Amino acid sequence: MGIFGRLRDSLSKTTQQIVQRFDDLVTLSEEPERKGRQVDVETIDALEELLIMADVGVAATARIVDAVKKQTPSGKGLRDAVKDEIRSIFAGVQGPSANGHSPHVVLIVGVNGTGKTTTVGKLAQFLKNSGKNPLVCAADTFRAAAVEQLEVWARRAGVDLVRAREGADPAAVVFDAISSGKAKGRDPVLVDTAGRLHTRVNLMNELDKIRRVAAREVAGAPHEVLLVLDATVGQNGLVQAREFMNAAGVNGVVLTKLDGTAKGGIAVAIACELKLPIRYVGVGESIDDLVPFSVDEYVDALFEQKW
């Protein structure tokens, strides 16, 4: 199965939950006596319920419904109207631009339990398979066994790891990793940071210190700050994201455990409410189960006509 086929497969729980109900809506809206008319209240209410159930969120749901009301009388089908508006939501999101500085420094942030450390290992594997030569930095020195866990993933991916003893200064480990990346030609540098940053001010301050050290060593660093969100927590993930955006300058999201939830619409909510791009999606437990996010594949999978 190709990369994007795996993204579609990971959405199977969400798709199975909504596709039949959506097909019923489409059939209803295309009845001869309704076709080409303003969408009725019954259809709108059912569409709103469907989108909220899939964790699309209130703001995105309101926008999609408004677009449906405006577009369907002109002859556009309900399915196409919904898909087009979701694509429009994603089109309004801009990712970080390439800057040409080396090494490219990527901070990976997120609360404990989201799959943050395993995501670092999977991202290292993906980038290596893409022809990059990544270096992993174990800057989560506060959590017991975090460094050892990352060491296992780095070994699986066959990439170098820079680490220090438990409790060491995380910013110092980042400095060592960037210095090593420069000396050995490793690029990008992937930095695993401590979790629970949104509730522990001292750790937020530590993250800010890491950012300052990175910026001093490489122009524009950190070039990416990727927030790892667990798709199964739904709208609570938006609360986490806002905190990390304020404190860490998050400019991208890695959505994990998408295959474990029937509420995969959370990606739409993230794009609509936070204006953050979904960069990668976790689709399983193995080291190869991290894939790039594709808007077209995502939208087509959610609203395909037959499963």
C-alpha atoms as a PDB file:
ATOM      1  CA  MET A   1       0.000   0.000   0.000  1.00  0.00           C
ATOM      2  CA  GLY A   2       1.340   3.442  -0.957  1.00  0.00           C
ATOM      3  CA  ILE A   3       1.841   6.328   1.442  1.00  0.00           C
ATOM      4  CA  PHE A   4      -1.470   7.993   0.696  1.00  0.00           C
ATOM      5  CA  GLY A   5      -3.323   4.711   0.612  1.00  0.00           C
ATOM      6  CA  ARG A   6      -2.205   4.211   4.211  1.00  0.00           C
ATOM      7  CA  LEU A   7      -3.583   7.640   5.110  1.00  0.00           C
ATOM      8  CA  ARG A   8      -6.922   6.633   3.648  1.00  0.00           C
ATOM      9  CA  ASP A   9      -6.809   3.308   5.474  1.00  0.00           C
ATOM     10  CA  SER A  10      -6.122   5.032   8.793  1.00  0.00           C
ATOM     11  CA  LEU A  11      -9.336   7.016   8.360  1.00  0.00           C
ATOM     12  CA  SER A  12     -11.446   3.884   8.010  1.00  0.00           C
ATOM     13  CA  LYS A  13     -13.119   4.219  11.420  1.00  0.00           C
ATOM     14  CA  THR A  14     -14.141   7.786  10.726  1.00  0.00           C
ATOM     15  CA  THR A  15     -15.285   6.972   7.208  1.00  0.00           C
ATOM     16  CA  GLN A  16     -17.290   3.931   8.251  1.00  0.00           C
ATOM     17  CA  GLN A  17     -19.071   6.025  10.859  1.00  0.00           C
ATOM     18  CA  ILE A  18     -20.112   8.857   8.571  1.00  0.00           C
ATOM     19  CA  VAL A  19     -20.253   7.542   5.021  1.00  0.00           C
ATOM     20  CA  GLN A  20     -23.652   5.822   5.197  1.00  0.00           C
ATOM     21  CA  ARG A  21     -25.288   8.749   6.943  1.00  0.00           C
ATOM     22  CA  PHE A  22     -23.740  11.159   4.463  1.00  0.00           C
ATOM     23  CA  ASP A  23     -24.849   9.024   1.531  1.00  0.00           C
ATOM     24  CA  ASP A  24     -28.379   9.177   2.938  1.00  0.00           C
ATOM     25  CA  LEU A  25     -28.124  12.971   3.047  1.00  0.00           C
ATOM     26  CA  VAL A  26     -26.881  13.112  -0.536  1.00  0.00           C
ATOM     27  CA  THR A  27     -29.687  10.845  -1.714  1.00  0.00           C
ATOM     28  CA  LEU A  28     -32.227  13.006   0.092  1.00  0.00           C
ATOM     29  CA  SER A  29     -30.843  16.244  -1.368  1.00  0.00           C
ATOM     30  CA  GLU A  30     -30.882  14.835  -4.903  1.00  0.00           C
ATOM     31  CA  GLU A  31     -34.504  13.766  -4.947  1.00  0.00           C
ATOM     32  CA  PRO A  32     -36.239  15.349  -7.985  1.00  0.00           C
ATOM     33  CA  GLU A  33     -38.472  17.583  -5.884  1.00  0.00           C
ATOM     34  CA  ARG A  34     -35.481  18.880  -3.869  1.00  0.00           C
ATOM     35  CA  LYS A  35     -32.743  19.048  -6.475  1.00  0.00           C
ATOM     36  CA  GLY A  36     -31.629  22.561  -7.319  1.00  0.00           C
ATOM     37  CA  ARG A  37     -33.517  24.070  -4.376  1.00  0.00           C
ATOM     38  CA  GLN A  38     -32.269  25.653  -1.169  1.00  0.00           C
ATOM     39  CA  VAL A  39     -31.178  22.925   1.246  1.00  0.00           C
ATOM     40  CA  ASP A  40     -33.954  22.322   3.765  1.00  0.00           C
ATOM     41  CA  VAL A  41     -33.690  22.555   7.525  1.00  0.00           C
ATOM     42  CA  GLU A  42     -33.828  18.794   8.004  1.00  0.00           C
ATOM     43  CA  THR A  43     -30.813  18.237   5.758  1.00  0.00           C
ATOM     44  CA  ILE A  44     -28.854  21.088   7.353  1.00  0.00           C
ATOM     45  CA  ASP A  45     -29.507  19.788  10.862  1.00  0.00           C
ATOM     46  CA  ALA A  46     -28.400  16.295   9.876  1.00  0.00           C
ATOM     47  CA  LEU A  47     -25.270  17.646   8.198  1.00  0.00           C
ATOM     48  CA  GLU A  48     -24.359  19.685  11.282  1.00  0.00           C
ATOM     49  CA  GLU A  49     -24.823  16.632  13.515  1.00  0.00           C
ATOM     50  CA  LEU A  50     -22.689  14.521  11.188  1.00  0.00           C
ATOM     51  CA  LEU A  51     -19.789  16.996  11.124  1.00  0.00           C
ATOM     52  CA  ILE A  52     -19.830  17.641  14.877  1.00  0.00           C
ATOM     53  CA  MET A  53     -19.870  13.886  15.515  1.00  0.00           C
ATOM     54  CA  ALA A  54     -16.715  13.545  13.370  1.00  0.00           C
ATOM     55  CA  ASP A  55     -14.988  16.243  15.481  1.00  0.00           C
ATOM     56  CA  VAL A  56     -14.896  18.824  12.699  1.00  0.00           C
ATOM     57  CA  GLY A  57     -15.649  21.432  15.372  1.00  0.00           C
ATOM     58  CA  VAL A  58     -18.266  24.151  15.722  1.00  0.00           C
ATOM     59  CA  ALA A  59     -16.454  26.868  13.746  1.00  0.00           C
ATOM     60  CA  ALA A  60     -15.615  24.668  10.749  1.00  0.00           C
ATOM     61  CA  THR A  61     -19.070  23.094  10.777  1.00  0.00           C
ATOM     62  CA  ALA A  62     -20.716  26.525  10.665  1.00  0.00           C
ATOM     63  CA  ARG A  63     -18.503  27.543   7.755  1.00  0.00           C
ATOM     64  CA  ILE A  64     -19.208  24.333   5.802  1.00  0.00           C
ATOM     65  CA  VAL A  65     -22.953  24.555   6.383  1.00  0.00           C
ATOM     66  CA  ASP A  66     -23.004  28.193   5.288  1.00  0.00           C
ATOM     67  CA  ALA A  67     -21.150  27.262   2.091  1.00  0.00           C
ATOM     68  CA  VAL A  68     -23.606  24.425   1.425  1.00  0.00           C
ATOM     69  CA  LYS A  69     -26.565  26.789   1.782  1.00  0.00           C
ATOM     70  CA  LYS A  70     -25.043  29.158  -0.764  1.00  0.00           C
ATOM     71  CA  GLN A  71     -23.757  26.632  -3.297  1.00  0.00           C
ATOM     72  CA  THR A  72     -26.279  23.828  -3.637  1.00  0.00           C
ATOM     73  CA  PRO A  73     -29.062  25.917  -5.235  1.00  0.00           C
ATOM     74  CA  SER A  74     -26.689  26.620  -8.130  1.00  0.00           C
ATOM     75  CA  GLY A  75     -26.680  22.945  -8.994  1.00  0.00           C
ATOM     76  CA  LYS A  76     -23.601  21.772  -7.056  1.00  0.00           C
ATOM     77  CA  GLY A  77     -24.228  18.500  -5.249  1.00  0.00           C
ATOM     78  CA  LEU A  78     -24.141  18.309  -1.474  1.00  0.00           C
ATOM     79  CA  ARG A  79     -21.088  16.043  -1.400  1.00  0.00           C
ATOM     80  CA  ASP A  80     -19.065  18.292  -3.706  1.00  0.00           C
ATOM     81  CA  ALA A  81     -20.090  21.407  -1.808  1.00  0.00           C
ATOM     82  CA  VAL A  82     -18.884  19.946   1.499  1.00  0.00           C
ATOM     83  CA  LYS A  83     -15.632  18.646   0.039  1.00  0.00           C
ATOM     84  CA  ASP A  84     -14.875  21.927  -1.715  1.00  0.00           C
ATOM     85  CA  GLU A  85     -15.377  23.970   1.441  1.00  0.00           C
ATOM     86  CA  ILE A  86     -13.142  21.658   3.484  1.00  0.00           C
ATOM     87  CA  ARG A  87     -10.442  22.008   0.825  1.00  0.00           C
ATOM     88  CA  SER A  88     -10.913  25.773   1.031  1.00  0.00           C
ATOM     89  CA  ILE A  89     -10.352  25.640   4.796  1.00  0.00           C
ATOM     90  CA  PHE A  90      -7.064  23.815   4.315  1.00  0.00           C
ATOM     91  CA  ALA A  91      -6.060  26.155   1.473  1.00  0.00           C
ATOM     92  CA  GLY A  92      -6.138  29.050   3.943  1.00  0.00           C
ATOM     93  CA  VAL A  93      -3.326  27.518   5.995  1.00  0.00           C
ATOM     94  CA  GLN A  94       0.310  28.278   5.260  1.00  0.00           C
ATOM     95  CA  GLY A  95       3.201  26.070   6.365  1.00  0.00           C
ATOM     96  CA  PRO A  96       6.721  27.233   7.271  1.00  0.00           C
ATOM     97  CA  SER A  97       8.733  28.374   4.268  1.00  0.00           C
ATOM     98  CA  ALA A  98      12.121  26.946   3.325  1.00  0.00           C
ATOM     99  CA  ASN A  99      14.982  29.154   4.479  1.00  0.00           C
ATOM    100  CA  GLY A 100      18.075  27.379   3.202  1.00  0.00           C
ATOM    101  CA  HIS A 101      19.897  27.406   6.537  1.00  0.00           C
ATOM    102  CA  SER A 102      21.687  24.265   7.688  1.00  0.00           C
ATOM    103  CA  PRO A 103      21.151  22.283   9.735  1.00  0.00           C
ATOM    104  CA  HIS A 104      17.374  22.587   9.629  1.00  0.00           C
ATOM    105  CA  VAL A 105      16.317  22.505  13.294  1.00  0.00           C
ATOM    106  CA  VAL A 106      12.959  20.932  14.175  1.00  0.00           C
ATOM    107  CA  LEU A 107      11.546  21.027  17.701  1.00  0.00           C
ATOM    108  CA  ILE A 108       8.956  18.366  18.492  1.00  0.00           C
ATOM    109  CA  VAL A 109       6.676  19.401  21.361  1.00  0.00           C
ATOM    110  CA  GLY A 110       3.566  18.018  23.022  1.00  0.00           C
ATOM    111  CA  VAL A 111       2.179  16.648  26.250  1.00  0.00           C
ATOM    112  CA  ASN A 112       3.251  13.244  27.490  1.00  0.00           C
ATOM    113  CA  GLY A 113       1.171  10.377  26.144  1.00  0.00           C
ATOM    114  CA  THR A 114       0.581  11.791  22.662  1.00  0.00           C
ATOM    115  CA  GLY A 115       3.303   9.665  21.080  1.00  0.00           C
ATOM    116  CA  LYS A 116       5.822  12.501  20.920  1.00  0.00           C
ATOM    117  CA  THR A 117       9.014  10.517  21.439  1.00  0.00           C
ATOM    118  CA  THR A 118       7.972   7.704  19.115  1.00  0.00           C
ATOM    119  CA  THR A 119       7.027  10.332  16.531  1.00  0.00           C
ATOM    120  CA  VAL A 120      10.596  11.659  16.617  1.00  0.00           C
ATOM    121  CA  GLY A 121      11.884   8.190  15.793  1.00  0.00           C
ATOM    122  CA  LYS A 122       9.328   7.659  13.028  1.00  0.00           C
ATOM    123  CA  LEU A 123      10.065  11.089  11.552  1.00  0.00           C
ATOM    124  CA  ALA A 124      13.776  10.292  11.555  1.00  0.00           C
ATOM    125  CA  GLN A 125      13.022   7.068   9.667  1.00  0.00           C
ATOM    126  CA  PHE A 126      10.812   8.847   7.131  1.00  0.00           C
ATOM    127  CA  LEU A 127      13.368  11.599   6.487  1.00  0.00           C
ATOM    128  CA  LYS A 128      16.184   9.084   6.155  1.00  0.00           C
ATOM    129  CA  ASN A 129      14.138   7.126   3.612  1.00  0.00           C
ATOM    130  CA  SER A 130      13.589  10.428   1.787  1.00  0.00           C
ATOM    131  CA  GLY A 131      17.333  10.897   1.354  1.00  0.00           C
ATOM    132  CA  LYS A 132      18.016  13.080   4.392  1.00  0.00           C
ATOM    133  CA  ASN A 133      20.653  12.434   7.032  1.00  0.00           C
ATOM    134  CA  PRO A 134      18.867  13.343  10.282  1.00  0.00           C
ATOM    135  CA  LEU A 135      20.308  13.662  13.764  1.00  0.00           C
ATOM    136  CA  VAL A 136      18.119  13.074  16.825  1.00  0.00           C
ATOM    137  CA  CYS A 137      18.525  15.130  19.995  1.00  0.00           C
ATOM    138  CA  ALA A 138      17.238  13.777  23.332  1.00  0.00           C
ATOM    139  CA  ALA A 139      16.346  17.045  25.072  1.00  0.00           C
ATOM    140  CA  ASP A 140      13.539  15.537  27.173  1.00  0.00           C
ATOM    141  CA  THR A 141      15.843  15.079  30.128  1.00  0.00           C
ATOM    142  CA  PHE A 142      13.126  15.483  32.786  1.00  0.00           C
ATOM    143  CA  ARG A 143      11.090  12.325  32.180  1.00  0.00           C
ATOM    144  CA  ALA A 144      12.449   9.048  33.448  1.00  0.00           C
ATOM    145  CA  ALA A 145      13.447   6.676  30.642  1.00  0.00           C
ATOM    146  CA  ALA A 146      12.610   9.226  27.918  1.00  0.00           C
ATOM    147  CA  VAL A 147      16.200   9.288  26.690  1.00  0.00           C
ATOM    148  CA  GLU A 148      16.425   5.500  26.669  1.00  0.00           C
ATOM    149  CA  GLN A 149      13.146   5.272  24.766  1.00  0.00           C
ATOM    150  CA  LEU A 150      14.398   7.681  22.124  1.00  0.00           C
ATOM    151  CA  GLU A 151      17.681   5.819  21.914  1.00  0.00           C
ATOM    152  CA  VAL A 152      15.772   2.662  20.963  1.00  0.00           C
ATOM    153  CA  TRP A 153      13.917   4.503  18.194  1.00  0.00           C
ATOM    154  CA  ALA A 154      17.082   6.153  16.887  1.00  0.00           C
ATOM    155  CA  ARG A 155      18.765   2.764  16.728  1.00  0.00           C
ATOM    156  CA  ARG A 156      15.810   1.309  14.808  1.00  0.00           C
ATOM    157  CA  ALA A 157      15.972   4.188  12.347  1.00  0.00           C
ATOM    158  CA  GLY A 158      19.746   3.891  12.041  1.00  0.00           C
ATOM    159  CA  VAL A 159      20.409   7.552  12.850  1.00  0.00           C
ATOM    160  CA  ASP A 160      22.791   9.274  15.249  1.00  0.00           C
ATOM    161  CA  LEU A 161      21.597  10.384  18.684  1.00  0.00           C
ATOM    162  CA  VAL A 162      22.932  13.149  20.924  1.00  0.00           C
ATOM    163  CA  ARG A 163      22.033  12.605  24.574  1.00  0.00           C
ATOM    164  CA  ALA A 164      23.049  13.520  28.094  1.00  0.00           C
ATOM    165  CA  ARG A 165      22.393  12.187  31.566  1.00  0.00           C
ATOM    166  CA  GLU A 166      18.895  12.406  33.045  1.00  0.00           C
ATOM    167  CA  GLY A 167      18.251  15.845  34.516  1.00  0.00           C
ATOM    168  CA  ALA A 168      20.868  17.581  32.362  1.00  0.00           C
ATOM    169  CA  ASP A 169      20.202  21.050  30.954  1.00  0.00           C
ATOM    170  CA  PRO A 170      18.039  20.484  27.825  1.00  0.00           C
ATOM    171  CA  ALA A 171      19.327  23.627  26.121  1.00  0.00           C
ATOM    172  CA  ALA A 172      22.892  22.395  26.527  1.00  0.00           C
ATOM    173  CA  VAL A 173      21.948  19.106  24.846  1.00  0.00           C
ATOM    174  CA  VAL A 174      20.419  21.063  21.956  1.00  0.00           C
ATOM    175  CA  PHE A 175      23.613  23.107  21.632  1.00  0.00           C
ATOM    176  CA  ASP A 176      25.654  19.893  21.477  1.00  0.00           C
ATOM    177  CA  ALA A 177      23.294  18.384  18.882  1.00  0.00           C
ATOM    178  CA  ILE A 178      23.423  21.404  16.580  1.00  0.00           C
ATOM    179  CA  SER A 179      27.205  21.539  16.911  1.00  0.00           C
ATOM    180  CA  SER A 180      27.390  17.837  16.070  1.00  0.00           C
ATOM    181  CA  GLY A 181      25.050  18.319  13.120  1.00  0.00           C
ATOM    182  CA  LYS A 182      27.291  21.037  11.733  1.00  0.00           C
ATOM    183  CA  ALA A 183      30.468  19.017  12.245  1.00  0.00           C
ATOM    184  CA  LYS A 184      29.130  15.760  10.795  1.00  0.00           C
ATOM    185  CA  GLY A 185      26.869  17.157   8.093  1.00  0.00           C
ATOM    186  CA  ARG A 186      23.692  15.874   9.718  1.00  0.00           C
ATOM    187  CA  ASP A 187      20.529  17.609   8.579  1.00  0.00           C
ATOM    188  CA  PRO A 188      17.871  18.037   9.901  1.00  0.00           C
ATOM    189  CA  VAL A 189      18.319  18.040  13.676  1.00  0.00           C
ATOM    190  CA  LEU A 190      15.196  16.627  15.350  1.00  0.00           C
ATOM    191  CA  VAL A 191      14.806  17.738  18.971  1.00  0.00           C
ATOM    192  CA  ASP A 192      12.615  15.761  21.373  1.00  0.00           C
ATOM    193  CA  THR A 193      11.473  18.158  24.123  1.00  0.00           C
ATOM    194  CA  ALA A 194       9.843  17.645  27.496  1.00  0.00           C
ATOM    195  CA  GLY A 195       6.090  17.096  27.799  1.00  0.00           C
ATOM    196  CA  ARG A 196       3.528  18.748  30.038  1.00  0.00           C
ATOM    197  CA  LEU A 197       4.899  22.104  28.993  1.00  0.00           C
ATOM    198  CA  HIS A 198       1.502  23.740  29.007  1.00  0.00           C
ATOM    199  CA  THR A 199       1.051  23.181  32.761  1.00  0.00           C
ATOM    200  CA  ARG A 200       4.588  23.628  34.094  1.00  0.00           C
ATOM    201  CA  VAL A 201       5.904  27.153  33.796  1.00  0.00           C
ATOM    202  CA  ASN A 202       9.494  26.133  34.473  1.00  0.00           C
ATOM    203  CA  LEU A 203       9.392  23.781  31.507  1.00  0.00           C
ATOM    204  CA  MET A 204       7.876  26.493  29.329  1.00  0.00           C
ATOM    205  CA  ASN A 205      10.789  28.683  30.297  1.00  0.00           C
ATOM    206  CA  GLU A 206      13.141  25.830  29.437  1.00  0.00           C
ATOM    207  CA  LEU A 207      11.557  25.526  26.011  1.00  0.00           C
ATOM    208  CA  ASP A 208      12.054  29.240  25.434  1.00  0.00           C
ATOM    209  CA  LYS A 209      15.692  28.813  26.417  1.00  0.00           C
ATOM    210  CA  ILE A 210      16.046  25.986  23.883  1.00  0.00           C
ATOM    211  CA  ARG A 211      14.629  28.257  21.196  1.00  0.00           C
ATOM    212  CA  ARG A 212      17.127  31.002  22.042  1.00  0.00           C
ATOM    213  CA  VAL A 213      20.058  28.606  21.943  1.00  0.00           C
ATOM    214  CA  ALA A 214      18.948  27.193  18.590  1.00  0.00           C
ATOM    215  CA  ALA A 215      18.516  30.688  17.138  1.00  0.00           C
ATOM    216  CA  ARG A 216      21.995  31.660  18.273  1.00  0.00           C
ATOM    217  CA  GLU A 217      23.556  28.633  16.579  1.00  0.00           C
ATOM    218  CA  VAL A 218      21.618  28.620  13.272  1.00  0.00           C
ATOM    219  CA  ALA A 219      19.926  31.590  11.616  1.00  0.00           C
ATOM    220  CA  GLY A 220      16.144  31.345  11.865  1.00  0.00           C
ATOM    221  CA  ALA A 221      16.165  28.288  14.124  1.00  0.00           C
ATOM    222  CA  PRO A 222      14.074  26.548  15.188  1.00  0.00           C
ATOM    223  CA  HIS A 223      12.823  26.385  11.629  1.00  0.00           C
ATOM    224  CA  GLU A 224       9.922  24.134  12.491  1.00  0.00           C
ATOM    225  CA  VAL A 225       8.095  23.576  15.763  1.00  0.00           C
ATOM    226  CA  LEU A 226       5.876  20.538  15.345  1.00  0.00           C
ATOM    227  CA  LEU A 227       3.167  19.870  17.901  1.00  0.00           C
ATOM    228  CA  VAL A 228       2.274  16.205  18.351  1.00  0.00           C
ATOM    229  CA  LEU A 229      -1.463  15.819  18.992  1.00  0.00           C
ATOM    230  CA  ASP A 230      -3.328  12.630  19.820  1.00  0.00           C
ATOM    231  CA  ALA A 231      -6.303  12.458  17.432  1.00  0.00           C
ATOM    232  CA  THR A 232      -8.306  10.435  19.953  1.00  0.00           C
ATOM    233  CA  VAL A 233      -8.550  13.358  22.431  1.00  0.00           C
ATOM    234  CA  GLY A 234     -10.597  15.388  19.969  1.00  0.00           C
ATOM    235  CA  GLN A 235     -11.381  19.004  20.791  1.00  0.00           C
ATOM    236  CA  ASN A 236      -9.215  18.904  23.920  1.00  0.00           C
ATOM    237  CA  GLY A 237      -6.286  18.828  21.526  1.00  0.00           C
ATOM    238  CA  LEU A 238      -7.180  22.333  20.390  1.00  0.00           C
ATOM    239  CA  VAL A 239      -6.724  23.584  23.946  1.00  0.00           C
ATOM    240  CA  GLN A 240      -3.273  21.998  24.071  1.00  0.00           C
ATOM    241  CA  ALA A 241      -2.419  23.467  20.691  1.00  0.00           C
ATOM    242  CA  ARG A 242      -3.324  27.014  21.697  1.00  0.00           C
ATOM    243  CA  GLU A 243      -1.101  26.810  24.771  1.00  0.00           C
ATOM    244  CA  PHE A 244       1.850  25.536  22.772  1.00  0.00           C
ATOM    245  CA  MET A 245       1.304  28.100  20.021  1.00  0.00           C
ATOM    246  CA  ASN A 246       1.558  30.882  22.602  1.00  0.00           C
ATOM    247  CA  ALA A 247       4.601  29.499  24.382  1.00  0.00           C
ATOM    248  CA  ALA A 248       6.522  27.583  21.734  1.00  0.00           C
ATOM    249  CA  GLY A 249       5.744  29.180  18.383  1.00  0.00           C
ATOM    250  CA  VAL A 250       4.207  26.004  16.950  1.00  0.00           C
ATOM    251  CA  ASN A 251       3.932  26.168  13.144  1.00  0.00           C
ATOM    252  CA  GLY A 252       2.890  22.617  12.281  1.00  0.00           C
ATOM    253  CA  VAL A 253       1.076  19.574  13.648  1.00  0.00           C
ATOM    254  CA  VAL A 254       1.730  15.849  13.678  1.00  0.00           C
ATOM    255  CA  LEU A 255      -1.558  14.037  14.239  1.00  0.00           C
ATOM    256  CA  THR A 256      -1.011  10.651  15.890  1.00  0.00           C
ATOM    257  CA  LYS A 257      -3.334   7.693  16.486  1.00  0.00           C
ATOM    258  CA  LEU A 258      -5.591   8.679  13.592  1.00  0.00           C
ATOM    259  CA  ASP A 259      -6.203   4.977  12.991  1.00  0.00           C
ATOM    260  CA  GLY A 260      -7.516   4.595  16.534  1.00  0.00           C
ATOM    261  CA  THR A 261     -10.389   7.076  16.400  1.00  0.00           C
ATOM    262  CA  ALA A 262     -13.722   7.539  14.639  1.00  0.00           C
ATOM    263  CA  LYS A 263     -13.314  11.314  14.949  1.00  0.00           C
ATOM    264  CA  GLY A 264     -10.755  12.046  12.264  1.00  0.00           C
ATOM    265  CA  GLY A 265     -12.454  15.344  11.436  1.00  0.00           C
ATOM    266  CA  ILE A 266     -10.214  16.987  14.049  1.00  0.00           C
ATOM    267  CA  ALA A 267      -7.783  17.832  11.224  1.00  0.00           C
ATOM    268  CA  VAL A 268     -10.397  20.194   9.779  1.00  0.00           C
ATOM    269  CA  ALA A 269     -10.898  21.866  13.165  1.00  0.00           C
ATOM    270  CA  ILE A 270      -7.147  22.408  13.521  1.00  0.00           C
ATOM    271  CA  ALA A 271      -6.911  24.018  10.101  1.00  0.00           C
ATOM    272  CA  CYS A 272      -9.996  26.189  10.601  1.00  0.00           C
ATOM    273  CA  GLU A 273      -9.524  27.376  14.172  1.00  0.00           C
ATOM    274  CA  LEU A 274      -5.739  27.382  14.581  1.00  0.00           C
ATOM    275  CA  LYS A 275      -4.553  27.945  10.993  1.00  0.00           C
ATOM    276  CA  LEU A 276      -1.905  25.283  11.535  1.00  0.00           C
ATOM    277  CA  PRO A 277      -0.878  22.876   8.765  1.00  0.00           C
ATOM    278  CA  ILE A 278      -1.059  19.138   9.405  1.00  0.00           C
ATOM    279  CA  ARG A 279       2.428  18.026   8.360  1.00  0.00           C
ATOM    280  CA  TYR A 280       2.362  14.306   9.164  1.00  0.00           C
ATOM    281  CA  VAL A 281      -0.085  11.678  10.341  1.00  0.00           C
ATOM    282  CA  GLY A 282       0.580   8.624  12.491  1.00  0.00           C
ATOM    283  CA  VAL A 283      -1.188   5.604  11.007  1.00  0.00           C
ATOM    284  CA  GLY A 284       0.078   2.734  13.154  1.00  0.00           C
ATOM    285  CA  GLU A 285       2.647   1.491  15.644  1.00  0.00           C
ATOM    286  CA  SER A 286       5.627   0.510  13.490  1.00  0.00           C
ATOM    287  CA  ILE A 287       8.538   2.767  12.619  1.00  0.00           C
ATOM    288  CA  ASP A 288       7.270   3.261   9.061  1.00  0.00           C
ATOM    289  CA  ASP A 289       3.803   4.340  10.174  1.00  0.00           C
ATOM    290  CA  LEU A 290       4.242   8.091   9.777  1.00  0.00           C
ATOM    291  CA  VAL A 291       3.090   9.566   6.471  1.00  0.00           C
ATOM    292  CA  PRO A 292       2.811  13.069   4.994  1.00  0.00           C
ATOM    293  CA  PHE A 293      -0.630  14.590   5.232  1.00  0.00           C
ATOM    294  CA  SER A 294      -2.448  15.029   1.911  1.00  0.00           C
ATOM    295  CA  VAL A 295      -5.508  17.283   1.875  1.00  0.00           C
ATOM    296  CA  ASP A 296      -6.980  15.699  -1.258  1.00  0.00           C
ATOM    297  CA  GLU A 297      -6.528  12.139   0.001  1.00  0.00           C
ATOM    298  CA  TYR A 298      -7.952  13.106   3.369  1.00  0.00           C
ATOM    299  CA  VAL A 299     -11.055  14.794   1.976  1.00  0.00           C
ATOM    300  CA  ASP A 300     -11.704  12.085  -0.605  1.00  0.00           C
ATOM    301  CA  ALA A 301     -11.380   9.371   2.035  1.00  0.00           C
ATOM    302  CA  LEU A 302     -13.828  11.035   4.406  1.00  0.00           C
ATOM    303  CA  PHE A 303     -16.544  11.479   1.830  1.00  0.00           C
ATOM    304  CA  GLU A 304     -16.027   8.713  -0.696  1.00  0.00           C
ATOM    305  CA  GLN A 305     -19.247   7.262  -2.008  1.00  0.00           C
ATOM    306  CA  LYS A 306     -18.550   3.634  -1.232  1.00  0.00           C
ATOM    307  CA  TRP A 307     -16.371   2.046   1.403  1.00  0.00           C
END
